[in-house]
C-alpha cells in the first residue's frame, strides 16, 4: 500500500501494520496517530504542551512533579508513537536530553517526516526492541524512564516482567523515577501484578487511574510511578483530581489493599496485557 492520502489524512504501511495520521480540522497542527485502528497518541505541533489523551496527562503530571518547573531532565522513552511525550518534555523543560526507543522503524520515519520534531530539541530516536535497548545501555543515565509500549493494543509480555524492570531501573540516576502506562479491565489482574513487581524493586510506588477503571467498571489506562526515593504523590494527586477526566491516586495502605495477593511477574510467567473490548474505540 505504501503511503496514501485518505481525505485529509495520511495512511501508510509500517513494520507493525498500518498507521494513520488524522488531522483535526478545527485545530490546525493537531494530529492523531492510529495503528491498525487503535488510537496511539495525539500531537499538537503548535502547542506540544497540550495533551488530548488522558493517559498522556497522567504521564505529564509525573514529568511535572519530579523536579522544579523548567529544570532540564534526562529522559528515556520506551515506545515512541508520535513522540508526544518527548515533545512535551522539550516544550516544558528546554535543554532536556531525551532518547526514544521505538521498534517500528517505518513508523519513526513516517512521524519524523510528517510531524517534524521541534528545532533545537535534543531528541534522538532509535529503532530497536525496548528490552534489548535497556539491556544494552550503561547504567545511571536517566532521571526518568517511561515505558509506553504496545503491540496490537497490548503491552508485550517481555516488557512486563521483573527481569525487564530490573534492567530499566538500572538506568536511573539516584532518586530517578520509573513510569509505565498500561491498560487493564475487570479485576485489574495485569496492573496488580505490575505493581507487585515494581514493589520488589522500588521503595515507593503509586498508581493513577480513573475511578471507574479502578472499580473494574470499564477498561482503561493505568499509569504507574516508582522510585527508590519518596515520590511527590501530593502533586500527582492534585493533577489527577483536577483533570477533565479525574484520576484517583492509589498509594500506601490503599495500594496495599488493591494489590493484596498479587504476585511478582517474572519472565517465566509474564503475559501480554489484556485486549481492549472491541467496542472501546
Protein backbone atom coordinates (compact mmCIF):
# COMPACT_ATOMS: atom_id res chain seq x y z
CA UNK A 1 0.00 0.00 0.00
CA UNK A 2 2.82 2.42 0.83
CA UNK A 3 1.90 5.95 1.79
CA UNK A 4 -1.53 7.21 0.71
CA UNK A 5 -3.68 10.26 1.22
CA UNK A 6 -7.15 9.39 2.53
CA UNK A 7 -9.27 12.51 2.60
CA UNK A 8 -7.19 14.92 4.63
CA UNK A 9 -5.36 12.14 6.45
CA UNK A 10 -2.29 10.03 5.69
CA UNK A 11 -2.28 6.23 5.63
CA UNK A 12 0.98 4.30 5.49
CA UNK A 13 2.19 0.76 5.85
CA UNK A 14 4.62 0.40 8.73
CA UNK A 15 6.55 -2.57 10.03
CA UNK A 16 3.85 -3.42 12.58
CA UNK A 17 0.73 -2.90 10.43
CA UNK A 18 -0.99 0.21 9.10
CA UNK A 19 -0.58 3.69 10.54
CA UNK A 20 -3.00 6.59 10.04
CA UNK A 21 -2.32 10.24 10.78
CA UNK A 22 -5.61 12.07 11.06
CA UNK A 23 -5.73 15.87 11.26
CA UNK A 24 -8.12 17.84 13.42
CA UNK A 25 -9.86 20.18 11.01
CA UNK A 26 -10.83 22.50 13.83
CA UNK A 27 -7.30 22.88 15.17
CA UNK A 28 -4.51 23.23 12.61
CA UNK A 29 -1.36 21.41 13.64
CA UNK A 30 -3.19 18.82 15.72
CA UNK A 31 -2.88 15.18 14.58
CA UNK A 32 -3.94 11.80 15.94
CA UNK A 33 -1.94 8.65 15.26
CA UNK A 34 -3.75 5.32 14.90
CA UNK A 35 -2.06 1.95 14.37
CA UNK A 36 -4.27 -0.80 12.99
CA UNK A 37 -7.27 1.29 14.01
CA UNK A 38 -6.23 1.78 17.64
CA UNK A 39 -5.59 5.39 18.77
CA UNK A 40 -1.97 5.63 19.90
CA UNK A 41 -1.26 9.29 20.54
CA UNK A 42 -2.20 12.84 19.61
CA UNK A 43 0.11 15.75 18.85
CA UNK A 44 -0.43 19.49 18.73
CA UNK A 45 2.51 20.82 16.71
CA UNK A 46 1.67 24.43 17.61
CA UNK A 47 1.44 23.70 21.34
CA UNK A 48 3.17 20.42 22.34
CA UNK A 49 2.22 21.03 25.98
CA UNK A 50 -1.44 20.48 25.09
CA UNK A 51 -2.24 16.81 25.62
CA UNK A 52 -5.58 15.42 24.47
CA UNK A 53 -5.25 11.85 25.73
CA UNK A 54 -5.87 11.48 29.45
CA UNK A 55 -3.13 8.89 29.97
CA UNK A 56 -0.65 11.35 28.46
CA UNK A 57 -1.73 13.94 31.01
CA UNK A 58 -1.13 11.39 33.78
CA UNK A 59 2.40 10.83 32.48
CA UNK A 60 2.86 14.59 32.15
CA UNK A 61 1.94 15.03 35.82
CA UNK A 62 4.86 12.75 36.65
CA UNK A 63 7.19 14.77 34.40
CA UNK A 64 5.94 17.96 36.06
CA UNK A 65 6.23 16.68 39.60
CA UNK A 66 9.65 15.10 39.84
CA UNK A 67 11.72 18.30 39.53
CA UNK A 68 11.17 22.06 39.77
CA UNK A 69 9.38 23.60 36.79
CA UNK A 70 11.63 24.17 33.80
CA UNK A 71 14.51 22.07 35.11
CA UNK A 72 16.03 20.03 32.27
CA UNK A 73 15.78 16.26 32.65
CA UNK A 74 17.44 13.27 31.09
CA UNK A 75 14.58 11.06 29.88
CA UNK A 76 14.35 7.67 28.21
CA UNK A 77 11.10 6.95 26.36
CA UNK A 78 10.45 3.28 25.62
CA UNK A 79 7.83 3.40 22.89
CA UNK A 80 7.72 6.35 20.53
CA UNK A 81 4.33 6.66 18.85
CA UNK A 82 4.02 10.21 17.58
CA UNK A 83 6.73 11.32 20.07
CA UNK A 84 4.11 13.21 22.06
CA UNK A 85 5.78 12.94 25.46
CA UNK A 86 9.21 13.79 24.08
CA UNK A 87 7.71 16.93 22.54
CA UNK A 88 6.03 17.76 25.85
CA UNK A 89 9.28 17.47 27.79
CA UNK A 90 11.13 19.58 25.21
CA UNK A 91 8.44 22.29 25.44
CA UNK A 92 8.14 22.40 29.23
CA UNK A 93 11.76 21.64 30.15
CA UNK A 94 14.03 23.20 27.50
CA UNK A 95 17.52 21.78 27.44
CA UNK A 96 16.40 18.28 28.35
CA UNK A 97 18.30 15.34 26.87
CA UNK A 98 15.93 12.69 25.55
CA UNK A 99 16.33 9.28 23.99
CA UNK A 100 13.45 7.41 22.37
CA UNK A 101 13.38 3.69 21.57
CA UNK A 102 10.72 2.54 19.10
CA UNK A 103 10.74 -0.88 17.46
CA UNK A 104 8.96 0.21 14.27
CA UNK A 105 11.50 1.97 12.03
CA UNK A 106 8.86 2.75 9.39
CA UNK A 107 6.67 4.42 11.99
CA UNK A 108 9.62 6.56 13.10
CA UNK A 109 10.22 7.63 9.51
CA UNK A 110 6.54 8.49 8.98
CA UNK A 111 6.25 10.55 12.16
CA UNK A 112 9.50 12.43 11.65
CA UNK A 113 8.61 13.20 8.05
CA UNK A 114 5.01 14.30 8.58
CA UNK A 115 5.23 15.67 12.14
CA UNK A 116 8.71 17.20 12.42
CA UNK A 117 10.33 17.48 15.83
CA UNK A 118 10.91 20.97 17.26
CA UNK A 119 14.15 22.58 16.15
CA UNK A 120 16.93 22.53 18.68
CA UNK A 121 15.40 19.81 20.85
CA UNK A 122 17.85 17.13 21.96
CA UNK A 123 15.68 14.15 20.99
CA UNK A 124 17.35 11.10 19.48
CA UNK A 125 15.23 8.23 18.21
CA UNK A 126 16.47 4.67 17.82
CA UNK A 127 14.73 1.76 16.09
CA UNK A 128 15.15 -1.18 18.47
CA UNK A 129 13.25 -3.50 20.78
CA UNK A 130 12.77 -1.78 24.13
CA UNK A 131 14.13 -4.61 26.25
CA UNK A 132 17.16 -5.14 24.05
CA UNK A 133 17.84 -1.41 24.24
CA UNK A 134 17.71 -1.14 28.04
CA UNK A 135 19.85 -4.24 28.44
CA UNK A 136 22.50 -2.69 26.16
CA UNK A 137 22.71 0.73 27.86
CA UNK A 138 25.11 1.85 30.56
CA UNK A 139 23.55 2.46 33.98
CA UNK A 140 22.74 5.63 35.89
CA UNK A 141 21.95 7.77 32.85
CA UNK A 142 18.37 8.98 33.28
CA UNK A 143 16.22 10.99 35.67
CA UNK A 144 13.09 9.39 34.21
CA UNK A 145 12.33 6.22 32.25
CA UNK A 146 8.86 5.99 30.68
CA UNK A 147 7.59 2.68 29.33
CA UNK A 148 4.65 3.08 26.95
CA UNK A 149 4.92 0.19 24.51
CA UNK A 150 2.02 -1.53 22.80
CA UNK A 151 1.82 -4.15 20.10
CA UNK A 152 -1.69 -4.71 18.77
CA UNK A 153 -3.10 -2.66 21.68
CA UNK A 154 -1.36 -4.91 24.23
CA UNK A 155 1.75 -4.48 26.36
CA UNK A 156 4.18 -7.23 25.25
CA UNK A 157 4.93 -9.92 27.81
CA UNK A 158 8.69 -9.46 27.70
CA UNK A 159 8.18 -5.85 28.89
CA UNK A 160 6.02 -6.89 31.84
CA UNK A 161 8.46 -8.86 33.97
CA UNK A 162 10.77 -8.37 36.92
CA UNK A 163 13.77 -9.02 34.70
CA UNK A 164 12.78 -6.21 32.32
CA UNK A 165 12.03 -3.71 35.08
CA UNK A 166 15.32 -4.60 36.78
CA UNK A 167 17.17 -3.71 33.59
CA UNK A 168 15.21 -0.44 33.23
CA UNK A 169 15.72 0.51 36.90
CA UNK A 170 19.47 0.12 36.48
CA UNK A 171 19.40 3.06 34.04
CA UNK A 172 18.05 5.52 36.61
CA UNK A 173 20.15 8.04 38.46
CA UNK A 174 19.81 8.07 42.27
CA UNK A 175 16.29 9.24 43.07
CA UNK A 176 15.19 8.75 39.46
CA UNK A 177 11.64 7.73 38.57
CA UNK A 178 10.30 4.83 36.51
CA UNK A 179 6.85 5.34 34.95
CA UNK A 180 4.68 3.00 32.90
CA UNK A 181 1.43 3.24 31.01
CA UNK A 182 -0.64 0.08 30.68
CA UNK A 183 -4.28 -0.81 30.12
CA UNK A 184 -6.45 -3.23 32.05
CA UNK A 185 -10.05 -4.15 32.78
CA UNK A 186 -12.17 -6.08 35.25
CA UNK A 187 -10.18 -7.27 38.26
CA UNK A 188 -7.04 -5.34 37.22
CA UNK A 189 -5.06 -8.59 37.34
CA UNK A 190 -2.41 -7.34 34.94
CA UNK A 191 -1.99 -3.97 36.68
CA UNK A 192 -1.89 -5.56 40.14
CA UNK A 193 0.90 -7.89 39.01
CA UNK A 194 2.85 -4.95 37.63
CA UNK A 195 2.54 -3.05 40.93
CA UNK A 196 3.73 -6.10 42.86
CA UNK A 197 6.69 -6.36 40.51
CA UNK A 198 7.65 -2.70 40.90
CA UNK A 199 7.39 -3.00 44.67
CA UNK A 200 10.02 -5.74 44.63
CA UNK A 201 12.49 -3.20 43.20
CA UNK A 202 11.40 0.26 44.37
CA UNK A 203 10.76 1.72 47.83
CA UNK A 204 7.84 3.89 46.70
CA UNK A 205 5.17 3.04 44.12
CA UNK A 206 1.87 4.69 43.19
CA UNK A 207 -0.89 4.25 40.66
CA UNK A 208 -3.14 6.72 38.78
CA UNK A 209 -6.40 5.71 37.09
CA UNK A 210 -9.96 6.84 36.68
CA UNK A 211 -12.26 5.59 39.47
CA UNK A 212 -14.36 3.54 37.04
CA UNK A 213 -11.24 1.70 35.89
CA UNK A 214 -10.17 1.06 39.49
CA UNK A 215 -13.61 -0.36 40.27
CA UNK A 216 -13.46 -2.63 37.24
CA UNK A 217 -16.44 -0.99 35.57
CA UNK A 218 -14.59 -0.24 32.38
CA UNK A 219 -11.38 -0.98 30.52
CA UNK A 220 -8.86 1.85 30.61
CA UNK A 221 -5.37 3.16 31.21
CA UNK A 222 -3.43 2.72 34.43
CA UNK A 223 -0.28 4.79 34.97
CA UNK A 224 2.33 3.65 37.46
CA UNK A 225 5.24 5.56 39.01
CA UNK A 226 8.05 4.14 41.13
CA UNK A 227 11.27 5.35 42.72
CA UNK A 228 13.86 4.43 45.31
CA UNK A 229 13.15 7.85 46.84
CA UNK A 230 9.78 9.16 48.09
CA UNK A 231 7.52 10.16 45.21
CA UNK A 232 5.82 13.61 45.14
CA UNK A 233 2.43 11.92 45.38
CA UNK A 234 0.57 15.02 46.60
CA UNK A 235 1.32 16.76 43.32
CA UNK A 236 0.35 13.70 41.29
CA UNK A 237 -2.94 13.51 43.21
CA UNK A 238 -3.76 17.20 42.64
CA UNK A 239 -3.10 16.90 38.93
CA UNK A 240 -5.25 13.78 38.66
CA UNK A 241 -8.12 15.26 40.65
CA UNK A 242 -8.11 18.44 38.57
CA UNK A 243 -8.14 16.70 35.21
CA UNK A 244 -11.11 16.85 32.82
CA UNK A 245 -11.35 13.08 33.39
CA UNK A 246 -10.35 12.92 37.06
CA UNK A 247 -7.95 10.22 38.19
CA UNK A 248 -7.53 8.77 41.64
CA UNK A 249 -4.08 8.31 43.11
CA UNK A 250 -3.60 4.99 44.93
CA UNK A 251 -0.64 4.85 47.31
CA UNK A 252 0.47 3.45 50.65
CA UNK A 253 -2.15 1.46 52.55
CA UNK A 254 -4.70 1.89 49.75
CA UNK A 255 -2.25 0.35 47.31
CA UNK A 256 -1.57 -2.47 49.77
CA UNK A 257 -5.25 -3.34 49.74
CA UNK A 258 -5.56 -3.05 45.95
CA UNK A 259 -2.71 -5.43 45.19
CA UNK A 260 -3.14 -7.85 48.11
CA UNK A 261 -2.36 -11.36 46.91
CA UNK A 262 -0.80 -10.25 43.61
CA UNK A 263 2.44 -11.99 42.74
CA UNK A 264 5.64 -10.66 41.25
CA UNK A 265 5.72 -11.32 37.49
CA UNK A 266 8.86 -12.99 36.17
CA UNK A 267 9.82 -13.93 32.62
CA UNK A 268 8.58 -17.48 33.01
CA UNK A 269 5.00 -16.40 33.84
CA UNK A 270 4.73 -12.98 32.12
CA UNK A 271 1.78 -12.43 29.76
CA UNK A 272 0.60 -9.67 27.47
CA UNK A 273 -1.85 -7.15 28.85
CA UNK A 274 -5.49 -7.97 28.02
CA UNK A 275 -7.07 -6.97 24.74
CA UNK A 276 -9.41 -3.99 24.95
CA UNK A 277 -13.10 -4.64 24.23
CA UNK A 278 -13.94 -4.45 20.53
CA UNK A 279 -16.31 -1.55 21.05
CA UNK A 280 -13.93 0.53 23.20
CA UNK A 281 -12.86 2.82 20.37
